[in-house]
Amino acid sequence: MGREDSHYRPEGVDGRRSVGSGSGSAGAAGRVSVPGANLTHRGAPAAGSARVGRTDGRATVGNWPAPIPVSPPVPPAGPVPPPPAGPRRRGRLVVALAGVLVLVLAVAGLAVLRPGPVAGWLGSEGTPSGAAAAPPEPAPPAVLAGPDTNAPLPTGAGIRAALDPLVRAPALGDRVNVSVADVTTGQALYGSGPDTPTVPASVTKLATGVAVLSARGPAYRIPTRAVAGANPGEVVLVGGGDPTLAVDRKNAFYPGAARLDDLAAQVRAALGGTAPTKVVVDSSLFSGPVFEPGWDADIPTGGFGAAITALMTDGARKDPARARRTAEETNHAADRVPQPDLTAGRQFAKLLGLAGSAAQVTRGTAPAAGAAGAPGAELGTVESLPVIRLVDIMISDSDNVIAEAMARQVALAKGKPGSFAGGAAATDEVLGALGLPAGEIGLADGSGLSRTNRISPSLLTDLITLAGNGSHPELAAIFGGLPVGGWSGTLDERYRAATTRTGAGVVRAKTGTLSGVNAIAGTVTTADGRLLTFAVLTDRTKGSLDETRQALDRITSALAGCGCR
């Protein structure tokens, strides 16, 4: 992985055309997103019916709630892009896309209709500690939306007839593992090596997202603090692990991120007449190697990963403003700084009026908390966007640096070291506590860049079901960033061929790509209106990247195009 050649593009972007780096606004390609606010509603089975369990002996997950009132979608600004040339089921595509957008706004609707915790999850931009919240947006009228739970359930025989020939496509190689399940009932409908742990590539981010939403909660914000140092005028900048921290609003890569210029203003006010003399950088919250040993050798310099430190700005991008402007043409690749924590320290020093020289910016640790005016006294704090929005960005943009930061937040929440190993172990622990099969996952990182990661397809379909069935509403944010086939994100240029067009607008999925590895996992609505979840993982591909993706898309399009009964 990590080479951008004619066959394989680096992980983290999956060869896609970018549709904007932020969360919560329409991107350059017209993507509409509500920050992390995307509960995919699951309706209830018919009254008096027994809930159908898995047919393979494994327990199903969660309970199925009644329909949830949600808000109607807001259409993209400007004209909607025309569909690809050629015949297609236009009526179904339009309805499907409308349904996708309604589902995407479900948690936002809950914020309006149920002024409880969800409203707080969404929040506003990263803010200085104690800053007033932004005024709420006008509430749209409520509607009732959700998949048709009375639609006919596909049969195992019907799905086998549709998928078996496609799973054997030569481009996919000789190790293709697949799981398909019904979202409403949790029933397993199809499996080909479904319980086999397989290299997931960037699909790993679904597991990371669920783990951090469970461990930290959707509303959690990551603090970046400044405290008084041991000597007068000395300021210690304490990293809390926020990868989106910006220097200022103008040059921020991540819209709405917390900013060092806000923190510097707080510090100057707290110091009164004392002039800052030095900045000490405390990034000790994270430990261990800054690059995961299982990453390909070109990851550190390939523009899609970075040294993972507890203090950084703009995902460690060297020129965030330029990276934002060129994200589409570079597939979000950008030069990264080699020492993100020291770079952030120098940026902060300049905001305090210092030159930022090596003598003025050094690594160290913050003194123990002290009284006002004493070493360790807090001088200021800024907080990140809430986790619910960070997860949305992580999944929609396949942001590897955010993913690794989220994995470390899982580790810290579970009392483990903030390291690759700590994050992986904590993620496994959290997923196990949610009832997912611990023996079918083994992680080395949170982004999927490591080739030593393993996840089974059935764990992924169970995970997606658990996140969407309403039993754990805090997990639903993983749906916010899922790309839509032929419409957005890593799938915006897929599902346009004649053999895959039926998946356009009705497939929503996270993709994963490493050299020789391709994966896709998400949801699909069948021709009868039944909502299914699927995961297809292959880690010994034989064809080119385009051939392999076409083969994967034919599988998911077959699910979209048939009732399979």
Foldseek 3Di string as FASTA:
>chain_A
DLDDDPFFHDWLFRPFFAFAQEADDGGPQQDHFHQLQAFAAAAAAPPPDDQDAAPPPAGFADHFYHFAKFFFADGGPDDDDDAFDDDDPVVVLVVLLRQLRRRRGRLVRCVVVPVDVSVLLRWFFWFWPPDDTDDDDDHHDIDTHHFDNPFDAFALQLLCVLFVVLQPPQQLPDDKWKWKAFLNRRYTRDTDQQLAWAQAFQLLLLLLLLLLCVLVNSNDWFKWFWFAAQDFLEIETEFRLDLQEAQDQVQGLYHRWHHLLVFLVLLCVLSPPGAHQAYAYEQPLADDFQDFPQFPPCVCASQQAHRRTSAAHRNQAPRSNVLSVCCRVVSSGGGGDHDRRLVVRLSSCVSSVHNSDPVRYYYDHFDPCDDRPHGNDTRIMIIGRGSSSLSLSCQQSLRQNSQQSSLLSLLVSVVHGSYQVSSQVSSLVSLVVSVQDSVQWGDRGRRSSGSVTIHGWSSQQSSQSNCRSPRCVSSSSNSRNFDFACCGRSRVPPCRDPLQVLRGSFFTWGWRDDVQKTKIWDWGAAPSRGIMTMIMIGRHGDHGNVVNVVSVSNSRSSRRYDSSD
